Amino acid sequence: MASQRSFEGRRLNPQSARNPAARNAARPPGGSKYITPAGAARLRAELEQLWRHERPAVTAQVAAAAALGDRSENAEYIYGKRRLREIDRRVRFLRSRLDQMRIVDQPPRDRHRIFFGARVTLEAEGGERLCYRIVGPDELDMASDHISMDAPLGRALLGKALDEEIQIELAGGARRYLILAIEYLSVDPSVPP
């Protein structure tokens, strides 16, 4: 079966067009490996909080609960052990993730195109204006105006220029957006975005 061309001229694998799992297989587990300096600092702070403060406190609670005797019906002991496993799992994830991350602390050379870290102003078909900052998947909960570079809209925006129109297919139907502005914010972590 011959491969198909997308509107951008890239070859599409017909198998990946029908199978989202095959399409996502090329992406690294856990999403893209890019993060802003502020996002990396937030993950490091979470790791520090879990490892230096929360884990020792829960360990002390488990030890105190274990000293009470029968552990099989001791709710504090059972809950504490479960919480320790959750903390350890999150600590392992954060350490692994931080080791793999690439901190993007400089704007791209071509500031007229959308890349990681850009703040983009869009106009929807109905005239509604939307403003998003393209970030990594680990930074989504930091602000409501952030969008992951792995999200359908984020992927569609990457590499596009000012005044280009994009169309994305969503469950509710196709949506079109016009790119009105592209800007790159300060990368100095002491300066708020």
N, C-alpha and C. Protein backbone atom coordinates (compact mmCIF):
# COMPACT_ATOMS: atom_id res chain seq x y z
N MET A 1 0.84 -1.18 0.00
CA MET A 1 0.00 0.00 0.00
C MET A 1 0.89 1.24 0.00
N ALA A 2 0.63 2.18 -0.85
CA ALA A 2 1.44 3.40 -0.97
C ALA A 2 1.13 4.33 0.20
N SER A 3 2.14 5.08 0.60
CA SER A 3 1.92 6.02 1.68
C SER A 3 1.21 7.27 1.13
N GLN A 4 0.55 7.97 2.02
CA GLN A 4 -0.20 9.16 1.63
C GLN A 4 0.57 10.40 2.01
N ARG A 5 0.24 11.52 1.40
CA ARG A 5 0.87 12.79 1.75
C ARG A 5 -0.11 13.63 2.55
N SER A 6 0.42 14.31 3.55
CA SER A 6 -0.41 15.23 4.31
C SER A 6 -0.39 16.58 3.59
N PHE A 7 -1.14 17.54 4.09
CA PHE A 7 -1.16 18.85 3.45
C PHE A 7 0.17 19.57 3.58
N GLU A 8 1.03 19.14 4.50
CA GLU A 8 2.34 19.76 4.66
C GLU A 8 3.40 19.09 3.80
N GLY A 9 3.02 18.08 3.05
CA GLY A 9 3.95 17.42 2.17
C GLY A 9 4.72 16.28 2.83
N ARG A 10 4.48 16.02 4.11
CA ARG A 10 5.17 14.92 4.77
C ARG A 10 4.43 13.63 4.48
N ARG A 11 5.17 12.57 4.43
CA ARG A 11 4.55 11.26 4.19
C ARG A 11 3.90 10.76 5.48
N LEU A 12 2.71 10.25 5.34
CA LEU A 12 2.00 9.66 6.46
C LEU A 12 1.97 8.16 6.30
N ASN A 13 2.18 7.48 7.37
CA ASN A 13 2.04 6.04 7.36
C ASN A 13 0.55 5.74 7.49
N PRO A 14 -0.06 5.05 6.51
CA PRO A 14 -1.50 4.79 6.58
C PRO A 14 -1.88 4.02 7.84
N GLN A 15 -0.97 3.21 8.34
CA GLN A 15 -1.26 2.44 9.55
C GLN A 15 -1.41 3.39 10.74
N SER A 16 -0.56 4.41 10.83
CA SER A 16 -0.63 5.33 11.97
C SER A 16 -1.85 6.24 11.86
N ALA A 17 -2.33 6.49 10.66
CA ALA A 17 -3.52 7.33 10.49
C ALA A 17 -4.74 6.65 11.09
N ARG A 18 -4.77 5.32 11.03
CA ARG A 18 -5.91 4.58 11.56
C ARG A 18 -5.72 4.16 13.01
N ASN A 19 -4.49 4.09 13.46
CA ASN A 19 -4.21 3.55 14.78
C ASN A 19 -3.47 4.58 15.63
N PRO A 20 -4.16 5.23 16.58
CA PRO A 20 -3.50 6.24 17.41
C PRO A 20 -2.33 5.68 18.20
N ALA A 21 -2.40 4.41 18.61
CA ALA A 21 -1.30 3.82 19.37
C ALA A 21 -0.03 3.76 18.51
N ALA A 22 -0.18 3.43 17.24
CA ALA A 22 0.98 3.39 16.34
C ALA A 22 1.51 4.80 16.12
N ARG A 23 0.62 5.78 16.04
CA ARG A 23 1.03 7.17 15.83
C ARG A 23 1.81 7.68 17.04
N ASN A 24 1.41 7.27 18.23
CA ASN A 24 2.06 7.75 19.45
C ASN A 24 3.26 6.92 19.85
N ALA A 25 3.51 5.80 19.17
CA ALA A 25 4.61 4.91 19.54
C ALA A 25 5.96 5.61 19.40
N ALA A 26 6.08 6.54 18.48
CA ALA A 26 7.36 7.21 18.26
C ALA A 26 7.65 8.24 19.34
N ARG A 27 6.64 8.68 20.07
CA ARG A 27 6.84 9.66 21.12
C ARG A 27 7.45 8.99 22.35
N PRO A 28 8.34 9.67 23.02
CA PRO A 28 8.95 9.09 24.21
C PRO A 28 7.91 8.95 25.32
N PRO A 29 8.04 7.93 26.17
CA PRO A 29 7.09 7.79 27.27
C PRO A 29 7.16 9.00 28.18
N GLY A 30 6.01 9.44 28.68
CA GLY A 30 5.99 10.60 29.56
C GLY A 30 5.93 11.92 28.82
N GLY A 31 5.88 11.89 27.50
CA GLY A 31 5.78 13.12 26.73
C GLY A 31 7.13 13.67 26.32
N SER A 32 7.09 14.87 25.81
CA SER A 32 8.29 15.54 25.33
C SER A 32 9.26 15.79 26.48
N LYS A 33 10.50 15.95 26.13
CA LYS A 33 11.56 16.09 27.13
C LYS A 33 12.01 17.52 27.34
N TYR A 34 11.21 18.49 26.92
CA TYR A 34 11.57 19.91 27.08
C TYR A 34 10.84 20.50 28.27
N ILE A 35 11.52 21.44 28.94
CA ILE A 35 10.91 22.10 30.09
C ILE A 35 11.54 23.48 30.23
N THR A 36 10.77 24.43 30.74
CA THR A 36 11.29 25.76 31.00
C THR A 36 12.08 25.75 32.31
N PRO A 37 12.94 26.75 32.54
CA PRO A 37 13.65 26.80 33.82
C PRO A 37 12.70 26.85 35.02
N ALA A 38 11.59 27.57 34.89
CA ALA A 38 10.62 27.66 35.99
C ALA A 38 9.98 26.30 36.24
N GLY A 39 9.68 25.56 35.18
CA GLY A 39 9.09 24.22 35.33
C GLY A 39 10.06 23.25 35.98
N ALA A 40 11.33 23.32 35.60
CA ALA A 40 12.34 22.45 36.20
C ALA A 40 12.51 22.79 37.68
N ALA A 41 12.49 24.07 38.01
CA ALA A 41 12.62 24.49 39.41
C ALA A 41 11.44 23.97 40.23
N ARG A 42 10.25 24.00 39.65
CA ARG A 42 9.06 23.50 40.36
C ARG A 42 9.18 22.00 40.61
N LEU A 43 9.65 21.23 39.62
CA LEU A 43 9.81 19.79 39.81
C LEU A 43 10.89 19.50 40.86
N ARG A 44 11.99 20.26 40.84
CA ARG A 44 13.06 20.07 41.84
C ARG A 44 12.54 20.38 43.24
N ALA A 45 11.72 21.44 43.35
CA ALA A 45 11.16 21.81 44.66
C ALA A 45 10.21 20.71 45.15
N GLU A 46 9.43 20.13 44.26
CA GLU A 46 8.54 19.03 44.65
C GLU A 46 9.35 17.83 45.12
N LEU A 47 10.41 17.50 44.40
CA LEU A 47 11.29 16.39 44.77
C LEU A 47 11.91 16.65 46.15
N GLU A 48 12.40 17.85 46.36
CA GLU A 48 13.00 18.22 47.64
C GLU A 48 11.98 18.10 48.77
N GLN A 49 10.77 18.60 48.56
CA GLN A 49 9.72 18.54 49.57
C GLN A 49 9.39 17.09 49.92
N LEU A 50 9.24 16.25 48.91
CA LEU A 50 8.91 14.85 49.16
C LEU A 50 10.03 14.13 49.89
N TRP A 51 11.27 14.31 49.41
CA TRP A 51 12.40 13.53 49.92
C TRP A 51 12.89 14.03 51.28
N ARG A 52 12.95 15.32 51.49
CA ARG A 52 13.53 15.87 52.72
C ARG A 52 12.51 16.11 53.83
N HIS A 53 11.24 16.29 53.48
CA HIS A 53 10.26 16.65 54.50
C HIS A 53 9.15 15.61 54.65
N GLU A 54 8.43 15.35 53.56
CA GLU A 54 7.27 14.48 53.68
C GLU A 54 7.64 13.02 53.97
N ARG A 55 8.64 12.48 53.27
CA ARG A 55 9.01 11.08 53.49
C ARG A 55 9.51 10.83 54.91
N PRO A 56 10.40 11.65 55.47
CA PRO A 56 10.81 11.41 56.86
C PRO A 56 9.64 11.49 57.85
N ALA A 57 8.70 12.41 57.61
CA ALA A 57 7.54 12.53 58.51
C ALA A 57 6.67 11.27 58.44
N VAL A 58 6.42 10.77 57.23
CA VAL A 58 5.59 9.57 57.08
C VAL A 58 6.33 8.35 57.65
N THR A 59 7.65 8.29 57.47
CA THR A 59 8.43 7.18 58.02
C THR A 59 8.32 7.16 59.54
N ALA A 60 8.37 8.33 60.17
CA ALA A 60 8.23 8.41 61.63
C ALA A 60 6.84 7.95 62.06
N GLN A 61 5.81 8.32 61.30
CA GLN A 61 4.44 7.90 61.61
C GLN A 61 4.30 6.39 61.49
N VAL A 62 4.90 5.81 60.46
CA VAL A 62 4.84 4.35 60.27
C VAL A 62 5.56 3.65 61.42
N ALA A 63 6.71 4.16 61.82
CA ALA A 63 7.45 3.56 62.93
C ALA A 63 6.64 3.62 64.22
N ALA A 64 5.98 4.75 64.46
CA ALA A 64 5.15 4.88 65.66
C ALA A 64 3.96 3.93 65.60
N ALA A 65 3.35 3.79 64.44
CA ALA A 65 2.21 2.88 64.29
C ALA A 65 2.66 1.43 64.43
N ALA A 66 3.84 1.10 63.95
CA ALA A 66 4.36 -0.27 64.06
C ALA A 66 4.65 -0.62 65.51
N ALA A 67 5.03 0.37 66.29
CA ALA A 67 5.34 0.12 67.70
C ALA A 67 4.10 -0.21 68.52
N LEU A 68 2.92 0.08 67.98
CA LEU A 68 1.67 -0.19 68.70
C LEU A 68 1.32 -1.68 68.73
N GLY A 69 1.96 -2.46 67.89
CA GLY A 69 1.68 -3.90 67.94
C GLY A 69 1.17 -4.44 66.63
N ASP A 70 0.03 -5.11 66.67
CA ASP A 70 -0.53 -5.84 65.53
C ASP A 70 -0.63 -4.94 64.29
N ARG A 71 0.15 -5.28 63.28
CA ARG A 71 0.19 -4.46 62.06
C ARG A 71 -0.89 -4.84 61.06
N SER A 72 -1.45 -6.02 61.18
CA SER A 72 -2.42 -6.49 60.18
C SER A 72 -3.72 -5.69 60.21
N GLU A 73 -4.09 -5.16 61.38
CA GLU A 73 -5.32 -4.38 61.46
C GLU A 73 -5.07 -2.95 61.92
N ASN A 74 -3.84 -2.50 61.77
CA ASN A 74 -3.45 -1.17 62.19
C ASN A 74 -3.58 -0.23 60.99
N ALA A 75 -4.64 0.57 60.96
CA ALA A 75 -4.94 1.44 59.81
C ALA A 75 -3.85 2.48 59.58
N GLU A 76 -3.30 3.04 60.66
CA GLU A 76 -2.25 4.04 60.51
C GLU A 76 -1.02 3.42 59.84
N TYR A 77 -0.68 2.21 60.25
CA TYR A 77 0.48 1.53 59.69
C TYR A 77 0.23 1.21 58.21
N ILE A 78 -0.92 0.66 57.89
CA ILE A 78 -1.24 0.27 56.50
C ILE A 78 -1.29 1.51 55.61
N TYR A 79 -1.96 2.57 56.07
CA TYR A 79 -2.02 3.80 55.29
C TYR A 79 -0.62 4.41 55.12
N GLY A 80 0.15 4.42 56.19
CA GLY A 80 1.50 4.99 56.13
C GLY A 80 2.39 4.25 55.15
N LYS A 81 2.33 2.93 55.15
CA LYS A 81 3.13 2.14 54.19
C LYS A 81 2.69 2.45 52.76
N ARG A 82 1.38 2.56 52.55
CA ARG A 82 0.87 2.88 51.22
C ARG A 82 1.35 4.27 50.79
N ARG A 83 1.31 5.23 51.70
CA ARG A 83 1.77 6.58 51.38
C ARG A 83 3.27 6.60 51.09
N LEU A 84 4.05 5.80 51.82
CA LEU A 84 5.48 5.71 51.54
C LEU A 84 5.73 5.17 50.13
N ARG A 85 4.96 4.18 49.72
CA ARG A 85 5.10 3.65 48.35
C ARG A 85 4.76 4.71 47.32
N GLU A 86 3.71 5.50 47.57
CA GLU A 86 3.34 6.58 46.66
C GLU A 86 4.44 7.63 46.58
N ILE A 87 5.00 8.00 47.71
CA ILE A 87 6.08 8.99 47.74
C ILE A 87 7.29 8.45 46.98
N ASP A 88 7.67 7.21 47.26
CA ASP A 88 8.83 6.61 46.60
C ASP A 88 8.63 6.52 45.09
N ARG A 89 7.42 6.19 44.66
CA ARG A 89 7.12 6.11 43.24
C ARG A 89 7.26 7.49 42.59
N ARG A 90 6.73 8.51 43.23
CA ARG A 90 6.81 9.87 42.69
C ARG A 90 8.26 10.38 42.70
N VAL A 91 9.02 10.06 43.74
CA VAL A 91 10.43 10.46 43.80
C VAL A 91 11.21 9.81 42.65
N ARG A 92 10.98 8.51 42.43
CA ARG A 92 11.66 7.83 41.31
C ARG A 92 11.30 8.47 39.98
N PHE A 93 10.01 8.78 39.80
CA PHE A 93 9.57 9.41 38.56
C PHE A 93 10.24 10.78 38.38
N LEU A 94 10.22 11.60 39.42
CA LEU A 94 10.79 12.95 39.32
C LEU A 94 12.29 12.90 39.04
N ARG A 95 13.01 12.02 39.72
CA ARG A 95 14.46 11.91 39.48
C ARG A 95 14.72 11.48 38.04
N SER A 96 14.00 10.48 37.58
CA SER A 96 14.18 10.00 36.21
C SER A 96 13.82 11.09 35.21
N ARG A 97 12.71 11.74 35.44
CA ARG A 97 12.24 12.78 34.53
C ARG A 97 13.22 13.95 34.47
N LEU A 98 13.70 14.40 35.62
CA LEU A 98 14.65 15.51 35.65
C LEU A 98 15.96 15.15 34.97
N ASP A 99 16.38 13.90 35.11
CA ASP A 99 17.61 13.46 34.43
C ASP A 99 17.47 13.48 32.92
N GLN A 100 16.26 13.22 32.42
CA GLN A 100 16.01 13.14 30.98
C GLN A 100 15.65 14.48 30.36
N MET A 101 15.24 15.45 31.18
CA MET A 101 14.72 16.71 30.67
C MET A 101 15.82 17.58 30.06
N ARG A 102 15.41 18.34 29.07
CA ARG A 102 16.28 19.35 28.47
C ARG A 102 15.67 20.70 28.80
N ILE A 103 16.39 21.48 29.61
CA ILE A 103 15.89 22.79 30.02
C ILE A 103 16.15 23.78 28.90
N VAL A 104 15.08 24.38 28.41
CA VAL A 104 15.17 25.35 27.32
C VAL A 104 15.21 26.73 27.96
N ASP A 105 16.41 27.31 27.99
CA ASP A 105 16.57 28.60 28.64
C ASP A 105 16.90 29.73 27.68
N GLN A 106 16.85 29.46 26.39
CA GLN A 106 17.10 30.48 25.38
C GLN A 106 15.97 30.44 24.34
N PRO A 107 15.55 31.60 23.86
CA PRO A 107 14.54 31.60 22.79
C PRO A 107 15.18 31.08 21.49
N PRO A 108 14.37 30.61 20.57
CA PRO A 108 14.94 30.10 19.31
C PRO A 108 15.52 31.24 18.47
N ARG A 109 16.34 30.88 17.53
CA ARG A 109 16.92 31.89 16.63
C ARG A 109 15.85 32.54 15.77
N ASP A 110 14.93 31.71 15.27
CA ASP A 110 13.84 32.20 14.42
C ASP A 110 12.64 32.53 15.30
N ARG A 111 12.52 33.77 15.71
CA ARG A 111 11.44 34.18 16.60
C ARG A 111 10.13 34.45 15.85
N HIS A 112 10.14 34.23 14.54
CA HIS A 112 8.93 34.45 13.75
C HIS A 112 8.14 33.17 13.56
N ARG A 113 8.62 32.09 14.15
CA ARG A 113 7.93 30.81 14.09
C ARG A 113 7.65 30.34 15.52
N ILE A 114 6.70 29.44 15.63
CA ILE A 114 6.29 28.95 16.94
C ILE A 114 7.13 27.72 17.31
N PHE A 115 7.81 27.84 18.44
CA PHE A 115 8.58 26.74 19.00
C PHE A 115 8.24 26.65 20.48
N PHE A 116 8.87 25.72 21.17
CA PHE A 116 8.68 25.54 22.60
C PHE A 116 8.91 26.87 23.32
N GLY A 117 8.02 27.20 24.25
CA GLY A 117 8.17 28.41 25.05
C GLY A 117 7.48 29.63 24.48
N ALA A 118 6.98 29.56 23.27
CA ALA A 118 6.34 30.73 22.66
C ALA A 118 4.98 31.02 23.30
N ARG A 119 4.65 32.29 23.40
CA ARG A 119 3.30 32.71 23.77
C ARG A 119 2.62 33.07 22.46
N VAL A 120 1.51 32.43 22.19
CA VAL A 120 0.84 32.54 20.91
C VAL A 120 -0.57 33.10 21.11
N THR A 121 -0.93 34.07 20.30
CA THR A 121 -2.30 34.60 20.30
C THR A 121 -2.98 34.09 19.04
N LEU A 122 -4.13 33.46 19.23
CA LEU A 122 -4.89 32.87 18.12
C LEU A 122 -6.26 33.52 18.03
N GLU A 123 -6.82 33.45 16.84
CA GLU A 123 -8.21 33.86 16.66
C GLU A 123 -8.97 32.67 16.12
N ALA A 124 -10.03 32.27 16.84
CA ALA A 124 -10.86 31.15 16.42
C ALA A 124 -11.82 31.62 15.33
N GLU A 125 -12.48 30.68 14.71
CA GLU A 125 -13.41 31.01 13.61
C GLU A 125 -14.48 32.01 14.02
N GLY A 126 -14.96 31.92 15.25
CA GLY A 126 -16.00 32.82 15.73
C GLY A 126 -15.50 34.18 16.16
N GLY A 127 -14.21 34.45 16.03
CA GLY A 127 -13.64 35.73 16.41
C GLY A 127 -13.06 35.75 17.81
N GLU A 128 -13.22 34.67 18.56
CA GLU A 128 -12.69 34.59 19.92
C GLU A 128 -11.17 34.56 19.89
N ARG A 129 -10.56 35.37 20.75
CA ARG A 129 -9.09 35.40 20.84
C ARG A 129 -8.63 34.55 22.01
N LEU A 130 -7.62 33.73 21.74
CA LEU A 130 -7.06 32.83 22.74
C LEU A 130 -5.57 33.06 22.82
N CYS A 131 -5.03 32.97 24.03
CA CYS A 131 -3.60 33.15 24.21
C CYS A 131 -3.06 31.94 24.98
N TYR A 132 -2.04 31.29 24.43
CA TYR A 132 -1.45 30.12 25.06
C TYR A 132 0.06 30.24 25.06
N ARG A 133 0.68 29.58 26.02
CA ARG A 133 2.13 29.42 26.02
C ARG A 133 2.41 27.95 25.80
N ILE A 134 3.28 27.64 24.85
CA ILE A 134 3.62 26.26 24.51
C ILE A 134 4.65 25.77 25.53
N VAL A 135 4.28 24.76 26.30
CA VAL A 135 5.16 24.23 27.34
C VAL A 135 5.22 22.71 27.24
N GLY A 136 6.05 22.11 28.07
CA GLY A 136 6.14 20.65 28.13
C GLY A 136 5.01 20.07 28.95
N PRO A 137 4.80 18.77 28.87
CA PRO A 137 3.68 18.15 29.58
C PRO A 137 3.80 18.23 31.10
N ASP A 138 4.98 18.45 31.63
CA ASP A 138 5.17 18.53 33.08
C ASP A 138 4.78 19.88 33.65
N GLU A 139 4.47 20.85 32.82
CA GLU A 139 4.18 22.21 33.28
C GLU A 139 2.71 22.60 33.16
N LEU A 140 1.88 21.69 32.76
CA LEU A 140 0.48 22.03 32.48
C LEU A 140 -0.28 22.56 33.68
N ASP A 141 -0.01 22.10 34.86
CA ASP A 141 -0.79 22.54 36.01
C ASP A 141 -0.31 23.87 36.59
N MET A 142 0.70 24.46 36.00
CA MET A 142 1.22 25.72 36.51
C MET A 142 0.30 26.91 36.18
N ALA A 143 -0.37 26.89 35.05
CA ALA A 143 -1.23 28.01 34.67
C ALA A 143 -2.26 27.52 33.66
N SER A 144 -3.39 28.18 33.67
CA SER A 144 -4.47 27.75 32.77
C SER A 144 -4.22 28.14 31.32
N ASP A 145 -3.31 29.08 31.08
CA ASP A 145 -3.06 29.49 29.70
C ASP A 145 -1.92 28.71 29.05
N HIS A 146 -1.46 27.67 29.70
CA HIS A 146 -0.42 26.83 29.13
C HIS A 146 -1.04 25.68 28.34
N ILE A 147 -0.37 25.30 27.26
CA ILE A 147 -0.82 24.17 26.46
C ILE A 147 0.41 23.31 26.17
N SER A 148 0.24 22.02 26.28
CA SER A 148 1.36 21.10 26.07
C SER A 148 1.73 21.06 24.59
N MET A 149 3.02 20.97 24.34
CA MET A 149 3.47 20.83 22.96
C MET A 149 3.06 19.47 22.40
N ASP A 150 2.62 18.55 23.26
CA ASP A 150 2.17 17.24 22.82
C ASP A 150 0.66 17.20 22.55
N ALA A 151 -0.07 18.23 22.95
CA ALA A 151 -1.51 18.30 22.72
C ALA A 151 -1.77 18.53 21.23
N PRO A 152 -2.94 18.14 20.73
CA PRO A 152 -3.22 18.34 19.30
C PRO A 152 -3.01 19.78 18.83
N LEU A 153 -3.49 20.75 19.59
CA LEU A 153 -3.31 22.14 19.20
C LEU A 153 -1.83 22.53 19.28
N GLY A 154 -1.14 22.10 20.32
CA GLY A 154 0.28 22.39 20.46
C GLY A 154 1.10 21.82 19.31
N ARG A 155 0.83 20.57 18.92
CA ARG A 155 1.54 19.95 17.79
C ARG A 155 1.25 20.69 16.50
N ALA A 156 0.00 21.12 16.32
CA ALA A 156 -0.38 21.83 15.09
C ALA A 156 0.29 23.19 15.00
N LEU A 157 0.55 23.83 16.14
CA LEU A 157 1.15 25.16 16.14
C LEU A 157 2.66 25.15 15.92
N LEU A 158 3.33 24.10 16.36
CA LEU A 158 4.80 24.07 16.28
C LEU A 158 5.29 24.24 14.85
N GLY A 159 6.20 25.19 14.67
CA GLY A 159 6.80 25.45 13.36
C GLY A 159 6.02 26.42 12.49
N LYS A 160 4.84 26.81 12.92
CA LYS A 160 4.02 27.73 12.13
C LYS A 160 4.47 29.17 12.33
N ALA A 161 4.09 30.03 11.39
CA ALA A 161 4.50 31.43 11.42
C ALA A 161 3.27 32.33 11.60
N LEU A 162 3.55 33.60 11.79
CA LEU A 162 2.52 34.61 11.95
C LEU A 162 1.60 34.62 10.72
N ASP A 163 0.31 34.81 10.94
CA ASP A 163 -0.73 34.89 9.92
C ASP A 163 -1.02 33.56 9.23
N GLU A 164 -0.43 32.47 9.69
CA GLU A 164 -0.78 31.16 9.12
C GLU A 164 -2.06 30.69 9.77
N GLU A 165 -2.81 29.89 9.04
CA GLU A 165 -4.04 29.32 9.55
C GLU A 165 -3.81 27.83 9.76
N ILE A 166 -4.30 27.33 10.90
CA ILE A 166 -4.18 25.90 11.17
C ILE A 166 -5.57 25.32 11.36
N GLN A 167 -5.66 24.04 11.15
CA GLN A 167 -6.91 23.32 11.37
C GLN A 167 -6.58 22.06 12.13
N ILE A 168 -7.34 21.81 13.20
CA ILE A 168 -7.14 20.57 13.94
C ILE A 168 -8.46 19.83 14.01
N GLU A 169 -8.35 18.52 13.98
CA GLU A 169 -9.51 17.65 14.06
C GLU A 169 -9.70 17.22 15.51
N LEU A 170 -10.85 17.52 16.06
CA LEU A 170 -11.19 17.14 17.43
C LEU A 170 -12.44 16.27 17.40
N ALA A 171 -12.76 15.68 18.53
CA ALA A 171 -13.94 14.82 18.61
C ALA A 171 -15.20 15.59 18.23
N GLY A 172 -15.26 16.86 18.55
CA GLY A 172 -16.43 17.68 18.25
C GLY A 172 -16.42 18.26 16.84
N GLY A 173 -15.42 17.93 16.05
CA GLY A 173 -15.32 18.44 14.69
C GLY A 173 -14.04 19.24 14.48
N ALA A 174 -13.87 19.71 13.27
CA ALA A 174 -12.66 20.46 12.92
C ALA A 174 -12.74 21.89 13.46
N ARG A 175 -11.60 22.41 13.89
CA ARG A 175 -11.50 23.78 14.35
C ARG A 175 -10.37 24.46 13.61
N ARG A 176 -10.61 25.71 13.25
CA ARG A 176 -9.60 26.50 12.52
C ARG A 176 -9.20 27.69 13.38
N TYR A 177 -7.91 28.00 13.32
CA TYR A 177 -7.36 29.13 14.07
C TYR A 177 -6.42 29.91 13.17
N LEU A 178 -6.38 31.22 13.39
CA LEU A 178 -5.45 32.10 12.70
C LEU A 178 -4.43 32.58 13.74
N ILE A 179 -3.15 32.54 13.41
CA ILE A 179 -2.09 32.95 14.33
C ILE A 179 -1.93 34.47 14.22
N LEU A 180 -2.22 35.18 15.31
CA LEU A 180 -2.18 36.64 15.33
C LEU A 180 -0.86 37.19 15.88
N ALA A 181 -0.27 36.52 16.86
CA ALA A 181 0.96 37.02 17.47
C ALA A 181 1.79 35.88 18.01
N ILE A 182 3.10 36.07 17.96
CA ILE A 182 4.06 35.11 18.52
C ILE A 182 5.07 35.92 19.31
N GLU A 183 5.26 35.57 20.57
CA GLU A 183 6.28 36.25 21.37
C GLU A 183 6.96 35.25 22.28
N TYR A 184 8.19 35.56 22.62
CA TYR A 184 8.96 34.72 23.53
C TYR A 184 9.23 35.52 24.78
N LEU A 185 8.89 34.95 25.92
CA LEU A 185 9.01 35.63 27.20
C LEU A 185 10.43 35.52 27.74
N SER A 186 10.69 36.28 28.79
CA SER A 186 11.98 36.23 29.46
C SER A 186 12.23 34.82 29.97
N VAL A 187 13.47 34.36 29.84
CA VAL A 187 13.81 33.02 30.35
C VAL A 187 14.53 33.12 31.69
N ASP A 188 14.67 34.31 32.22
CA ASP A 188 15.28 34.49 33.53
C ASP A 188 14.27 34.03 34.58
N PRO A 189 14.60 32.97 35.39
CA PRO A 189 13.65 32.45 36.35
C PRO A 189 13.24 33.47 37.42
N SER A 190 14.02 34.54 37.63
CA SER A 190 13.66 35.53 38.62
C SER A 190 12.63 36.52 38.09
N VAL A 191 12.43 36.53 36.76
CA VAL A 191 11.44 37.42 36.16
C VAL A 191 10.18 36.63 35.89
N PRO A 192 9.04 37.00 36.48
CA PRO A 192 7.81 36.23 36.24
C PRO A 192 7.36 36.36 34.80
N PRO A 193 6.74 35.27 34.25
CA PRO A 193 6.30 35.32 32.84
C PRO A 193 5.16 36.28 32.64
